[in-house]
Amino acid sequence: MKKGFGIVLVIVFLIFAVGSFFGYQYYKKFYGNNVAKEGYVLIPHSANFNSILDSISPYVKNKEQFAEVAKSKNMDKFFSAGRYRIKSGTNNTDLVNMIKAGNQTENTFRIGDFFTVYQMVGKVAKKTELDSLRFATDLDKIATTKGLSNAEELKKYFFIDTYNFFWTVTPEEFFKKFEGEYNDFWTAERNGKEKQLGLSRDQIYALASLVYKETGGKPDEMKRVAGLYLNRFRKGMKLQSDPTVIYAVSKANNFQGDPIKRVFFKHLREPSPYNTYYSAGIPPGPICMVDKNSVDAVLNAEKNDFIFMAADPNKFGFHRFTASDIEHAKNAKDYQQWLNSKNIK
């Protein structure tokens, strides 16, 4: 009797032990930490199950276990393209569910003061699934639907700032976000100020780009600089903005290589409607992407009598303003001497 009871106990123990072993293996496979290191996995729309396994392999401890769990949840047939963050301590079930549901992590994009939309695309496309040529081509198509020549004429829609997008963002989705911000920015109040100013929107953006470049994006002097350029424009004077010369020279070189660091007399003769030393009036469009502050600076320009400004060598990033040509000549000479002392060519 006792012997039979002992056998039963042994059998029960063995069943429990075997069950515990397989239960632990099941738990470990589905719910145990399987992340070897943190990182991001990119899964394009063209991916297949094997390529997904190859991409995720460096980040998991056991590729085979991940594959088993993935297949049990039909991820070999259904998955979502995207950029996925692999976090420490994550189990296979959560990894698979994340990829199937498309819970990807956004990328951060910095839209800077690019000369052209195509320069922006070259930077942005590096953080998207599409290459820059496809991205630019699709933006060109969007431009033509708006009656524009190409994507470059969409420049005013792209405000300088930091934005978040998914790696799988399409050019259409990308532009739609900026178009929404553009429309939100142009409120009834700003539209009213635009009419009072008497300039076209393209002219406003062109002036805003000069303001942005002259001030380096710092808001301190933006309204003052805007007022100065409006004074020169209304007096029929050439705007004579150095950043427009830099843009014109770069444009003539198809924006290849680094922009010139110093404007010399030979550069002032660059024949371009964007060169405000060569051509009178406001440039036909912005010389760079702008931020909202620079547009607002033009709409709310300071009322002053300044028509000259020169960089202040004693206060880096700021200017000396005057209405006197004699005083300006002295200010300009001080700045040129400072450039020479720094051997800036």
Protein backbone atom coordinates (compact mmCIF):
# COMPACT_ATOMS: atom_id res chain seq x y z
CA MET A 1 0.00 0.00 0.00
CA LYS A 2 2.75 2.39 1.04
CA LYS A 3 4.83 1.28 -1.93
CA GLY A 4 1.97 2.05 -4.32
CA PHE A 5 1.42 5.47 -2.74
CA GLY A 6 5.08 6.24 -3.13
CA ILE A 7 4.95 5.37 -6.81
CA VAL A 8 1.99 7.68 -7.26
CA LEU A 9 3.89 10.50 -5.55
CA VAL A 10 6.86 9.94 -7.83
CA ILE A 11 4.62 9.99 -10.90
CA VAL A 12 2.90 13.16 -9.69
CA PHE A 13 6.27 14.76 -9.04
CA LEU A 14 7.54 13.76 -12.48
CA ILE A 15 4.41 15.13 -14.13
CA PHE A 16 4.77 18.34 -12.16
CA ALA A 17 8.48 18.59 -12.99
CA VAL A 18 7.92 17.92 -16.69
CA GLY A 19 4.98 20.32 -16.76
CA SER A 20 7.01 22.97 -14.97
CA PHE A 21 9.88 22.50 -17.38
CA PHE A 22 7.73 22.87 -20.47
CA GLY A 23 5.68 25.61 -18.84
CA TYR A 24 8.85 27.53 -18.12
CA GLN A 25 10.09 26.99 -21.68
CA TYR A 26 6.76 28.25 -23.04
CA TYR A 27 6.81 31.27 -20.72
CA LYS A 28 10.43 32.01 -21.58
CA LYS A 29 9.72 31.74 -25.32
CA PHE A 30 6.63 33.97 -25.27
CA TYR A 31 7.12 36.26 -22.26
CA GLY A 32 10.77 36.14 -21.23
CA ASN A 33 13.21 38.94 -22.07
CA ASN A 34 14.71 38.20 -25.48
CA VAL A 35 16.44 41.50 -26.19
CA ALA A 36 20.22 41.35 -26.44
CA LYS A 37 20.72 45.06 -27.13
CA GLU A 38 18.61 48.14 -27.80
CA GLY A 39 18.29 49.75 -31.20
CA TYR A 40 16.00 50.36 -34.15
CA VAL A 41 14.86 47.89 -36.78
CA LEU A 42 13.78 49.13 -40.21
CA ILE A 43 11.18 47.03 -42.02
CA PRO A 44 10.43 48.30 -45.55
CA HIS A 45 7.22 47.56 -47.43
CA SER A 46 9.22 45.21 -49.66
CA ALA A 47 10.34 43.07 -46.70
CA ASN A 48 9.55 39.38 -46.26
CA PHE A 49 9.65 37.21 -43.16
CA ASN A 50 13.25 36.10 -43.69
CA SER A 51 14.51 39.65 -44.19
CA ILE A 52 12.68 40.71 -41.01
CA LEU A 53 14.43 37.92 -39.10
CA ASP A 54 17.79 39.04 -40.52
CA SER A 55 17.10 42.66 -39.47
CA ILE A 56 16.04 41.79 -35.94
CA SER A 57 18.67 39.10 -35.39
CA PRO A 58 21.39 41.44 -33.96
CA TYR A 59 18.98 42.67 -31.29
CA VAL A 60 17.57 39.39 -29.91
CA LYS A 61 19.17 36.66 -27.83
CA ASN A 62 17.39 33.80 -29.56
CA LYS A 63 16.38 34.32 -33.18
CA GLU A 64 14.76 30.88 -33.45
CA GLN A 65 12.45 31.51 -30.50
CA PHE A 66 11.42 34.86 -31.94
CA ALA A 67 10.69 33.18 -35.29
CA GLU A 68 8.54 30.51 -33.58
CA VAL A 69 6.48 33.09 -31.72
CA ALA A 70 6.16 35.22 -34.86
CA LYS A 71 4.90 32.29 -36.90
CA SER A 72 2.44 31.29 -34.16
CA LYS A 73 0.96 34.79 -34.50
CA ASN A 74 1.02 34.73 -38.33
CA MET A 75 3.63 37.47 -38.57
CA ASP A 76 5.19 35.51 -41.42
CA LYS A 77 2.06 36.48 -43.40
CA PHE A 78 1.00 39.81 -41.87
CA PHE A 79 3.30 42.61 -40.68
CA SER A 80 3.54 46.40 -40.91
CA ALA A 81 6.43 48.29 -42.43
CA GLY A 82 8.11 50.81 -40.15
CA ARG A 83 10.93 51.85 -37.87
CA TYR A 84 10.67 49.96 -34.59
CA ARG A 85 12.47 50.63 -31.36
CA ILE A 86 13.80 47.53 -29.62
CA LYS A 87 13.79 48.19 -25.89
CA SER A 88 15.70 46.27 -23.24
CA GLY A 89 13.57 43.73 -21.36
CA THR A 90 11.03 43.24 -24.15
CA ASN A 91 9.66 39.75 -24.80
CA ASN A 92 8.95 38.05 -28.11
CA THR A 93 5.20 38.46 -27.81
CA ASP A 94 5.46 42.22 -27.40
CA LEU A 95 7.99 42.47 -30.24
CA VAL A 96 5.73 40.57 -32.60
CA ASN A 97 2.61 42.49 -31.57
CA MET A 98 4.48 45.78 -32.07
CA ILE A 99 5.50 44.89 -35.63
CA LYS A 100 2.11 43.46 -36.56
CA ALA A 101 0.26 46.50 -35.22
CA GLY A 102 2.65 48.98 -36.83
CA ASN A 103 3.50 50.71 -33.54
CA GLN A 104 6.63 52.30 -34.93
CA THR A 105 8.72 55.05 -33.35
CA GLU A 106 8.82 58.46 -35.00
CA ASN A 107 11.97 60.04 -36.38
CA THR A 108 12.96 63.62 -35.58
CA PHE A 109 13.62 65.96 -38.53
CA ARG A 110 15.20 69.39 -38.32
CA ILE A 111 14.12 71.68 -41.15
CA GLY A 112 16.86 74.30 -41.35
CA ASP A 113 17.48 77.36 -43.49
CA PHE A 114 18.14 75.31 -46.62
CA PHE A 115 18.76 77.22 -49.84
CA THR A 116 16.44 74.91 -51.77
CA VAL A 117 13.67 72.39 -51.22
CA TYR A 118 15.87 69.78 -52.88
CA GLN A 119 18.61 70.31 -50.30
CA MET A 120 16.00 69.73 -47.62
CA VAL A 121 14.80 66.57 -49.35
CA GLY A 122 18.36 65.25 -49.47
CA LYS A 123 18.54 65.47 -45.67
CA VAL A 124 15.00 64.41 -44.86
CA ALA A 125 14.96 61.38 -47.17
CA LYS A 126 17.81 59.84 -45.18
CA LYS A 127 15.29 59.33 -42.38
CA THR A 128 12.53 57.88 -44.55
CA GLU A 129 11.98 54.69 -46.49
CA LEU A 130 12.11 56.48 -49.86
CA ASP A 131 15.26 57.72 -51.57
CA SER A 132 15.71 61.43 -52.22
CA LEU A 133 15.03 61.16 -55.97
CA ARG A 134 11.64 59.54 -55.45
CA PHE A 135 10.82 62.01 -52.66
CA ALA A 136 11.75 65.01 -54.82
CA THR A 137 9.88 63.65 -57.86
CA ASP A 138 6.69 63.23 -55.82
CA LEU A 139 7.02 66.76 -54.41
CA ASP A 140 7.43 68.02 -57.96
CA LYS A 141 4.12 66.35 -58.82
CA ILE A 142 2.44 67.97 -55.81
CA ALA A 143 3.75 71.36 -56.98
CA THR A 144 2.30 70.92 -60.47
CA THR A 145 -1.14 70.15 -59.01
CA LYS A 146 -0.94 73.61 -57.43
CA GLY A 147 -0.07 75.25 -60.72
CA LEU A 148 3.61 75.60 -59.79
CA SER A 149 6.66 74.64 -61.82
CA ASN A 150 8.38 72.31 -59.36
CA ALA A 151 9.00 71.52 -55.70
CA GLU A 152 11.28 74.53 -55.29
CA GLU A 153 8.23 76.77 -55.52
CA LEU A 154 6.80 75.01 -52.44
CA LYS A 155 9.57 76.52 -50.31
CA LYS A 156 7.28 78.92 -48.44
CA TYR A 157 5.32 75.99 -46.98
CA PHE A 158 8.29 74.64 -45.03
CA PHE A 159 8.89 76.57 -41.83
CA ILE A 160 12.16 76.10 -40.00
CA ASP A 161 11.56 73.96 -36.92
CA THR A 162 11.87 70.42 -35.55
CA TYR A 163 9.24 67.91 -36.59
CA ASN A 164 8.41 64.25 -36.00
CA PHE A 165 7.57 61.85 -38.81
CA PHE A 166 7.38 58.12 -39.26
CA TRP A 167 10.08 56.42 -41.33
CA THR A 168 7.33 55.27 -43.71
CA VAL A 169 6.03 58.80 -44.33
CA THR A 170 5.09 59.44 -47.96
CA PRO A 171 5.86 62.75 -49.72
CA GLU A 172 2.11 63.39 -49.80
CA GLU A 173 1.79 62.90 -46.03
CA PHE A 174 4.94 64.93 -45.46
CA PHE A 175 3.71 67.90 -47.48
CA LYS A 176 0.19 67.70 -46.05
CA LYS A 177 1.59 68.32 -42.56
CA PHE A 178 3.42 71.46 -43.69
CA GLU A 179 0.52 72.69 -45.77
CA GLY A 180 -1.65 72.42 -42.66
CA GLU A 181 0.84 74.45 -40.62
CA TYR A 182 1.06 77.04 -43.39
CA ASN A 183 -2.73 77.42 -43.51
CA ASP A 184 -2.94 77.63 -39.72
CA PHE A 185 -0.23 80.30 -39.67
CA TRP A 186 -2.01 82.57 -42.14
CA THR A 187 -4.80 83.71 -39.84
CA ALA A 188 -7.27 86.46 -40.64
CA GLU A 189 -5.11 88.87 -38.62
CA ARG A 190 -1.97 88.06 -40.63
CA ASN A 191 -3.92 88.25 -43.89
CA GLY A 192 -5.01 91.75 -42.85
CA LYS A 193 -1.43 92.81 -42.15
CA GLU A 194 -0.38 91.39 -45.50
CA LYS A 195 -2.89 93.64 -47.27
CA GLN A 196 -1.78 96.69 -45.28
CA LEU A 197 1.81 96.01 -46.23
CA GLY A 198 0.97 96.09 -49.91
CA LEU A 199 3.31 93.26 -50.84
CA SER A 200 2.58 89.91 -52.42
CA ARG A 201 3.05 86.82 -50.29
CA ASP A 202 6.07 85.80 -52.36
CA GLN A 203 7.63 89.19 -51.67
CA ILE A 204 6.91 88.81 -47.95
CA TYR A 205 8.62 85.42 -47.88
CA ALA A 206 11.54 86.76 -49.90
CA LEU A 207 12.03 89.60 -47.40
CA ALA A 208 11.58 87.16 -44.51
CA SER A 209 14.41 85.04 -45.91
CA LEU A 210 16.69 88.09 -46.03
CA VAL A 211 15.73 88.94 -42.46
CA TYR A 212 16.41 85.38 -41.32
CA LYS A 213 19.80 85.19 -43.00
CA GLU A 214 20.92 88.64 -41.86
CA THR A 215 20.00 87.93 -38.23
CA GLY A 216 21.06 84.30 -38.14
CA GLY A 217 17.57 83.39 -37.02
CA LYS A 218 17.85 85.38 -33.77
CA PRO A 219 14.65 87.37 -33.16
CA ASP A 220 16.39 90.34 -31.46
CA GLU A 221 16.89 92.44 -34.60
CA MET A 222 14.38 90.86 -36.99
CA LYS A 223 11.77 93.64 -36.94
CA ARG A 224 14.46 96.31 -37.22
CA VAL A 225 16.09 94.63 -40.21
CA ALA A 226 12.67 94.16 -41.84
CA GLY A 227 11.96 97.88 -41.35
CA LEU A 228 15.29 98.80 -42.94
CA TYR A 229 14.66 96.70 -46.05
CA LEU A 230 11.16 98.09 -46.43
CA ASN A 231 12.63 101.61 -46.22
CA ARG A 232 15.11 100.86 -49.01
CA PHE A 233 12.45 99.18 -51.14
CA ARG A 234 10.02 102.08 -50.80
CA LYS A 235 12.75 104.59 -51.60
CA GLY A 236 13.56 102.69 -54.79
CA MET A 237 17.01 101.72 -53.48
CA LYS A 238 18.61 98.37 -54.14
CA LEU A 239 18.32 96.20 -51.05
CA GLN A 240 22.02 95.26 -51.16
CA SER A 241 21.81 92.22 -48.91
CA ASP A 242 24.96 90.08 -48.75
CA PRO A 243 23.04 86.81 -48.22
CA THR A 244 21.37 87.32 -51.61
CA VAL A 245 24.80 87.51 -53.22
CA ILE A 246 25.83 84.28 -51.51
CA TYR A 247 22.63 82.66 -52.75
CA ALA A 248 23.09 83.95 -56.30
CA VAL A 249 26.68 82.66 -56.47
CA SER A 250 25.62 79.28 -55.05
CA LYS A 251 22.70 79.07 -57.48
CA ALA A 252 25.03 79.81 -60.41
CA ASN A 253 27.14 76.87 -59.22
CA ASN A 254 24.02 74.68 -58.97
CA PHE A 255 24.46 74.70 -55.17
CA GLN A 256 27.51 72.46 -55.43
CA GLY A 257 30.20 72.90 -52.80
CA ASP A 258 30.17 75.14 -49.75
CA PRO A 259 28.72 78.68 -49.94
CA ILE A 260 31.21 81.54 -50.06
CA LYS A 261 32.12 82.84 -46.60
CA ARG A 262 32.94 86.38 -47.63
CA VAL A 263 31.38 88.63 -50.25
CA PHE A 264 33.88 90.45 -52.48
CA PHE A 265 33.29 93.08 -55.14
CA LYS A 266 33.50 90.48 -57.92
CA HIS A 267 30.55 88.63 -56.36
CA LEU A 268 28.36 91.74 -56.40
CA ARG A 269 28.33 91.59 -60.22
CA GLU A 270 26.76 88.10 -60.35
CA PRO A 271 23.89 88.55 -62.85
CA SER A 272 20.88 87.19 -61.02
CA PRO A 273 17.42 88.47 -60.07
CA TYR A 274 18.25 87.19 -56.57
CA ASN A 275 21.38 89.33 -56.27
CA THR A 276 20.10 92.53 -54.67
CA TYR A 277 23.33 94.37 -55.48
CA TYR A 278 22.83 93.57 -59.17
CA SER A 279 19.03 93.70 -59.43
CA ALA A 280 16.64 96.23 -57.95
CA GLY A 281 13.56 95.29 -55.99
CA ILE A 282 12.68 92.28 -53.88
CA PRO A 283 13.98 88.90 -55.10
CA PRO A 284 11.43 86.75 -56.96
CA GLY A 285 11.31 84.29 -54.08
CA PRO A 286 12.89 83.39 -50.74
CA ILE A 287 16.61 82.61 -50.74
CA CYS A 288 16.13 80.07 -47.97
CA MET A 289 13.48 78.46 -45.86
CA VAL A 290 12.29 80.73 -43.07
CA ASP A 291 10.82 80.45 -39.62
CA LYS A 292 7.55 81.93 -38.44
CA ASN A 293 9.34 84.70 -36.51
CA SER A 294 10.94 86.12 -39.65
CA VAL A 295 7.61 86.25 -41.52
CA ASP A 296 6.00 87.93 -38.52
CA ALA A 297 8.92 90.37 -38.42
CA VAL A 298 8.06 91.53 -41.96
CA LEU A 299 4.36 91.76 -41.15
CA ASN A 300 5.17 93.74 -37.99
CA ALA A 301 8.27 95.57 -39.18
CA GLU A 302 9.74 98.28 -36.96
CA LYS A 303 9.06 101.80 -38.19
CA ASN A 304 12.48 103.41 -38.37
CA ASP A 305 14.53 105.57 -40.73
CA PHE A 306 17.49 103.18 -41.09
CA ILE A 307 18.72 102.42 -44.59
CA PHE A 308 22.19 101.03 -43.81
CA MET A 309 23.47 98.25 -41.59
CA ALA A 310 26.79 96.53 -41.11
CA ALA A 311 27.78 93.60 -38.93
CA ASP A 312 29.08 94.72 -35.55
CA PRO A 313 32.57 93.24 -34.97
CA ASN A 314 32.27 94.01 -31.25
CA LYS A 315 28.96 92.21 -30.85
CA PHE A 316 28.96 89.01 -32.83
CA GLY A 317 25.68 88.27 -34.59
CA PHE A 318 24.38 91.84 -34.32
CA HIS A 319 24.51 94.94 -36.52
CA ARG A 320 25.14 98.67 -36.45
CA PHE A 321 22.24 100.59 -38.00
CA THR A 322 22.27 104.09 -39.43
CA ALA A 323 20.61 106.45 -41.90
CA SER A 324 23.95 108.13 -42.65
CA ASP A 325 26.09 106.97 -45.57
CA ILE A 326 29.18 108.46 -43.91
CA GLU A 327 28.58 106.57 -40.67
CA HIS A 328 27.81 103.42 -42.62
CA ALA A 329 31.10 103.68 -44.53
CA LYS A 330 32.92 103.72 -41.18
CA ASN A 331 30.89 100.77 -39.86
CA ALA A 332 31.54 98.77 -43.01
CA LYS A 333 35.27 99.52 -42.83
CA ASP A 334 35.39 98.31 -39.22
CA TYR A 335 33.78 95.06 -40.22
CA GLN A 336 36.10 94.53 -43.21
CA GLN A 337 39.11 95.09 -40.97
CA TRP A 338 37.73 92.53 -38.53
CA LEU A 339 37.33 89.99 -41.37
CA ASN A 340 40.92 90.61 -42.43
CA SER A 341 42.15 90.17 -38.87
CA LYS A 342 40.43 86.77 -38.74
CA ASN A 343 41.78 85.86 -42.20
CA ILE A 344 38.28 85.14 -43.44
CA LYS A 345 38.33 84.84 -47.20
